[in-house]
Protein backbone atom coordinates (compact mmCIF):
# COMPACT_ATOMS: atom_id res chain seq x y z
CA MET A 1 -17.57 -47.45 -8.48
CA ILE A 2 -13.47 -47.81 -7.78
CA GLU A 3 -12.84 -45.35 -10.75
CA ILE A 4 -15.24 -42.68 -9.23
CA THR A 5 -13.53 -43.08 -5.59
CA ALA A 6 -9.92 -43.13 -7.57
CA ILE A 7 -11.07 -39.70 -9.29
CA ILE A 8 -12.08 -38.32 -5.81
CA LEU A 9 -8.97 -38.93 -4.37
CA VAL A 10 -7.00 -37.52 -7.10
CA LEU A 11 -9.02 -34.20 -6.82
CA ILE A 12 -8.59 -34.34 -3.24
CA THR A 13 -4.83 -34.52 -3.36
CA ILE A 14 -4.74 -31.93 -5.96
CA TYR A 15 -6.98 -29.74 -3.64
CA LEU A 16 -4.69 -30.32 -0.70
CA LEU A 17 -1.59 -29.67 -2.58
CA MET A 18 -2.82 -26.53 -4.12
CA GLY A 19 -4.03 -25.43 -0.60
CA ALA A 20 -0.73 -26.23 0.88
CA TYR A 21 1.12 -24.07 -1.79
CA LEU A 22 -1.02 -21.35 -1.40
CA TYR A 23 -0.23 -21.45 2.37
CA LEU A 24 3.65 -22.20 2.40
CA PHE A 25 4.12 -19.72 -0.64
CA GLN A 26 1.77 -16.79 0.41
CA ARG A 27 4.32 -14.32 1.07
CA LYS A 28 6.16 -14.99 -2.48
CA LEU A 29 2.66 -14.73 -4.19
CA LEU A 30 2.02 -11.04 -2.27
CA TYR A 31 5.56 -9.54 -2.60
CA PHE A 32 7.63 -8.99 -5.43
CA PRO A 33 10.75 -7.12 -4.30
CA VAL A 34 12.24 -4.92 -6.86
CA GLN A 35 16.06 -4.17 -7.67
CA LEU A 36 17.62 -1.01 -6.61
CA ASP A 37 17.26 1.84 -9.76
CA PRO A 38 20.96 2.23 -10.56
CA ASP A 39 20.21 5.75 -12.58
CA PHE A 40 17.84 7.64 -10.14
CA HIS A 41 19.50 10.40 -8.12
CA ALA A 42 18.15 12.19 -5.20
CA GLU A 43 18.99 12.84 -1.74
CA GLU A 44 19.34 9.70 0.25
CA ILE A 45 17.90 8.61 3.42
CA THR A 46 19.08 5.77 5.59
CA LEU A 47 17.29 4.32 8.86
CA THR A 48 17.70 1.38 10.88
CA ASN A 49 15.09 -0.71 12.37
CA ASP A 50 15.60 -3.95 14.61
CA ASP A 51 19.00 -4.18 12.86
CA VAL A 52 17.58 -3.78 9.28
CA ARG A 53 18.84 -1.07 7.17
CA LEU A 54 15.94 0.85 5.31
CA HIS A 55 17.26 2.85 2.21
CA GLY A 56 15.56 5.55 0.20
CA TRP A 57 15.21 9.09 -1.10
CA ILE A 58 14.04 12.59 -0.24
CA LEU A 59 12.47 14.45 -3.16
CA ASN A 60 12.09 18.36 -2.57
CA PRO A 61 14.03 18.09 0.89
CA GLY A 62 13.75 20.94 3.39
CA LYS A 63 10.06 21.44 3.21
CA ALA A 64 7.90 22.24 6.09
CA LYS A 65 5.37 19.49 5.16
CA ALA A 66 6.06 15.80 4.15
CA VAL A 67 4.64 13.13 2.49
CA ILE A 68 5.71 9.46 3.00
CA TYR A 69 4.73 7.23 0.30
CA PHE A 70 4.24 3.42 0.45
CA GLY A 71 4.00 1.76 -3.00
CA GLY A 72 2.63 -1.33 -4.57
CA ASN A 73 3.79 -4.88 -3.86
CA SER A 74 6.10 -4.39 -7.12
CA GLU A 75 6.37 -0.85 -7.54
CA LEU A 76 9.65 0.87 -8.39
CA ILE A 77 8.70 3.86 -6.46
CA THR A 78 11.39 5.92 -8.23
CA HIS A 79 9.67 5.87 -11.58
CA ARG A 80 7.42 8.96 -10.99
CA GLN A 81 9.90 11.22 -9.55
CA GLU A 82 8.31 14.31 -11.77
CA TYR A 83 5.00 13.47 -10.63
CA PHE A 84 5.82 13.71 -6.81
CA GLU A 85 8.09 16.51 -7.30
CA THR A 86 5.55 18.95 -9.17
CA VAL A 87 2.18 17.57 -7.82
CA PHE A 88 3.98 17.85 -4.10
CA ALA A 89 6.06 20.62 -4.69
CA ASP A 90 5.25 22.21 -1.26
CA TYR A 91 6.17 19.04 0.58
CA SER A 92 9.40 16.98 1.36
CA VAL A 93 8.43 13.31 -0.49
CA TYR A 94 9.84 10.48 1.57
CA LEU A 95 10.51 7.18 -0.85
CA ILE A 96 11.66 4.53 1.37
CA ASN A 97 11.93 0.92 0.04
CA TYR A 98 10.21 -1.60 1.91
CA ARG A 99 12.21 -4.51 3.40
CA GLY A 100 13.89 -6.76 0.88
CA TYR A 101 13.12 -4.14 -1.98
CA GLY A 102 15.82 -2.04 -3.61
CA GLY A 103 18.48 -0.82 -1.35
CA SER A 104 16.58 -1.85 2.15
CA GLY A 105 17.88 -5.12 4.03
CA GLY A 106 15.53 -8.06 5.82
CA SER A 107 12.77 -9.61 4.10
CA PRO A 108 9.14 -8.15 4.03
CA THR A 109 6.06 -8.87 6.28
CA GLU A 110 2.94 -6.98 7.74
CA ALA A 111 4.45 -6.85 11.30
CA ALA A 112 7.99 -5.42 9.76
CA LEU A 113 6.54 -2.93 7.25
CA PHE A 114 4.16 -1.86 10.28
CA SER A 115 6.77 -1.34 12.34
CA ASP A 116 9.48 0.43 9.49
CA ALA A 117 6.79 2.69 9.11
CA LEU A 118 6.41 3.90 12.54
CA VAL A 119 10.18 4.36 12.63
CA ILE A 120 10.09 6.33 9.28
CA TYR A 121 7.62 8.96 10.66
CA ASP A 122 9.21 9.11 14.07
CA HIS A 123 12.52 9.60 12.53
CA ILE A 124 11.27 12.66 10.47
CA ARG A 125 8.69 13.97 12.40
CA LYS A 126 10.54 16.61 14.39
CA GLN A 127 11.88 17.97 10.89
CA HIS A 128 8.45 18.88 9.38
CA SER A 129 5.20 20.76 10.81
CA SER A 130 2.94 17.98 9.54
CA ILE A 131 3.09 14.71 7.71
CA SER A 132 0.60 13.04 5.47
CA GLY A 133 0.54 9.47 4.25
CA TYR A 134 0.14 8.06 0.58
CA GLY A 135 -0.45 4.62 0.14
CA ARG A 136 -0.81 2.82 -3.26
CA SER A 137 -2.50 -0.71 -3.34
CA LEU A 138 -0.46 -2.96 -0.74
CA GLY A 139 0.79 0.41 0.62
CA SER A 140 -2.54 1.60 1.44
CA GLY A 141 -2.56 -0.62 4.42
CA VAL A 142 0.49 0.38 5.44
CA THR A 143 -0.84 3.98 5.43
CA VAL A 144 -3.77 3.25 7.08
CA TYR A 145 -2.06 1.44 9.85
CA LEU A 146 0.41 4.37 10.39
CA ALA A 147 -2.65 6.86 10.30
CA ALA A 148 -4.32 4.92 13.15
CA MET A 149 -1.21 5.05 15.14
CA ARG A 150 0.11 8.40 14.31
CA PRO A 151 -1.33 12.08 13.63
CA LEU A 152 -1.68 12.66 9.97
CA GLU A 153 -2.53 15.58 8.03
CA GLN A 154 -4.06 13.97 5.57
CA VAL A 155 -4.18 10.57 3.82
CA ILE A 156 -4.21 9.70 0.17
CA LEU A 157 -5.36 6.03 -0.64
CA LEU A 158 -4.86 4.92 -4.34
CA THR A 159 -6.41 1.54 -5.55
CA PRO A 160 -6.81 0.23 -1.31
CA TYR A 161 -8.70 -2.68 -0.20
CA ASP A 162 -10.76 -3.77 2.55
CA SER A 163 -7.99 -6.46 3.87
CA ILE A 164 -5.72 -8.70 2.01
CA VAL A 165 -7.85 -11.64 3.68
CA GLU A 166 -11.08 -10.59 1.52
CA VAL A 167 -9.02 -9.96 -1.39
CA ALA A 168 -7.24 -13.34 -1.44
CA GLN A 169 -10.75 -14.98 -0.49
CA ASN A 170 -12.15 -13.75 -3.35
CA LEU A 171 -9.43 -14.89 -5.94
CA TYR A 172 -9.44 -18.51 -4.27
CA PRO A 173 -12.85 -19.02 -3.34
CA LEU A 174 -12.32 -22.50 -2.88
CA PHE A 175 -10.02 -22.30 -0.17
CA PRO A 176 -10.30 -21.33 3.54
CA LEU A 177 -7.68 -18.28 3.34
CA ARG A 178 -9.39 -16.32 5.94
CA HIS A 179 -7.96 -18.68 8.14
CA LEU A 180 -4.89 -19.32 6.65
CA VAL A 181 -3.50 -15.74 5.37
CA LYS A 182 -0.90 -14.51 7.68
CA ASP A 183 -0.04 -10.81 6.69
CA ARG A 184 -3.83 -9.88 6.84
CA PHE A 185 -3.46 -6.21 6.49
CA ASP A 186 -7.05 -5.29 7.79
CA SER A 187 -7.64 -1.77 6.94
CA ALA A 188 -11.21 -1.93 7.40
CA SER A 189 -10.63 -2.63 11.08
CA ARG A 190 -8.56 0.24 11.51
CA ALA A 191 -10.46 2.82 9.44
CA GLU A 192 -12.77 3.86 12.37
CA GLN A 193 -9.78 5.50 14.41
CA ILE A 194 -8.88 7.82 11.66
CA THR A 195 -10.26 10.93 11.73
CA THR A 196 -8.08 13.04 9.32
CA GLU A 197 -9.05 13.80 5.82
CA VAL A 198 -8.96 10.92 3.39
CA LEU A 199 -8.59 10.76 -0.70
CA ILE A 200 -9.60 7.20 -2.00
CA ALA A 201 -9.48 6.84 -5.63
CA SER A 202 -9.90 3.57 -7.32
CA ALA A 203 -9.63 2.40 -11.08
CA GLU A 204 -12.48 1.43 -13.17
CA LEU A 205 -10.78 -1.28 -15.01
CA ASP A 206 -8.86 -2.65 -11.85
CA ARG A 207 -8.51 -6.33 -11.90
CA GLU A 208 -6.09 -6.72 -9.05
CA ILE A 209 -8.02 -4.67 -6.46
CA THR A 210 -11.70 -4.69 -7.29
CA LEU A 211 -14.06 -2.28 -6.63
CA GLN A 212 -15.70 -4.13 -4.00
CA HIS A 213 -12.91 -4.15 -1.72
CA THR A 214 -12.47 -0.37 -2.26
CA LEU A 215 -15.91 0.60 -1.51
CA SER A 216 -15.91 -1.66 1.67
CA LEU A 217 -13.24 0.09 2.82
CA ARG A 218 -14.63 3.50 2.16
CA GLN A 219 -17.70 2.48 4.29
CA CYS A 220 -15.45 2.02 6.99
CA PHE A 221 -14.25 5.48 7.66
CA THR A 222 -16.85 6.48 9.61
CA ARG A 223 -15.32 9.46 11.46
CA ALA A 224 -13.13 10.66 8.61
CA SER A 225 -13.94 13.27 6.24
CA VAL A 226 -13.71 11.36 2.83
CA VAL A 227 -13.22 12.28 -0.73
CA TYR A 228 -13.75 9.37 -3.42
CA GLN A 229 -13.35 9.14 -7.07
CA GLN A 230 -13.19 6.52 -9.44
CA ILE A 231 -10.95 6.94 -12.75
CA GLU A 232 -12.49 6.06 -15.57
CA GLY A 233 -10.55 3.89 -18.13
CA ALA A 234 -7.56 3.41 -15.48
CA ALA A 235 -6.25 0.13 -14.80
CA HIS A 236 -4.80 -1.04 -11.81
CA ASN A 237 -1.03 -0.07 -13.03
CA ASP A 238 -1.43 2.94 -14.88
CA ILE A 239 -3.86 5.06 -12.83
CA ILE A 240 -1.46 7.25 -11.12
CA ASP A 241 -0.45 8.47 -14.90
CA PHE A 242 -3.94 9.46 -15.68
CA PRO A 243 -4.23 13.40 -15.76
CA GLN A 244 -7.57 13.27 -14.09
CA TYR A 245 -6.11 11.28 -11.10
CA ARG A 246 -3.09 13.69 -11.01
CA ALA A 247 -6.05 16.67 -10.94
CA LEU A 248 -7.63 15.00 -8.21
CA VAL A 249 -4.61 14.79 -5.98
CA GLU A 250 -3.85 18.38 -6.68
CA GLN A 251 -7.13 19.75 -5.63
CA PHE A 252 -7.29 17.49 -2.49
CA ILE A 253 -3.99 18.69 -1.34
CA ALA A 254 -4.62 22.49 -2.27
CA GLU A 255 -8.24 22.47 -0.22
CA LYS A 256 -5.97 21.45 2.67
CA ARG A 257 -3.53 24.03 2.36
CA ASN A 258 -6.61 26.52 1.97
């Protein structure tokens, strides 16, 4: 009986320690800041929000229309220069690093990323006839927030989720993460506010954002015109390199122009 009690106490201790780790280090598990790419060269842009410097680049500068890209949690956003310059040849593409990423100062949090997205939009809106939002993985939550707060011509969401809370809860079902997660990125609750055209793409072999989270979000766009497609054979990190995905985006923006 004593041995059983001791085993139970050990298991409870392990559980509590793991729960404490998930809570205390949750932002380190969510954000993976990347360093500045010293070999990337394009027109630079610098903004300031709450005394924090945000650094990025403009591809295809001087176009009437613009796209703001919000990347994944560990993405070097400068890696796909050719993709953005050719697929969005008629758009100025803004690649601006999150706080703590690349040449941007500060530390990433949900509130900070949301605030920065609004500052970026407000800074460039007078220079363009329209602005679109493009979010990948973590960045899909920022894009949905921006679309709910500012008028966007179109929204592109690559491997999006309903909320980080639901993703985390499914990853760690034994812990009450719905009550512990700080940066919730609850796109599902904001989707109904969006009325513009939305493109959603999921990856067949995605292990980070499983299909249930993407489809759950899709159902929440009750007032938007939604185009959805799953890219066969693609995984979370390589879907953007698939010709099928590229063609999907090209068709989506071409139909908007027409």
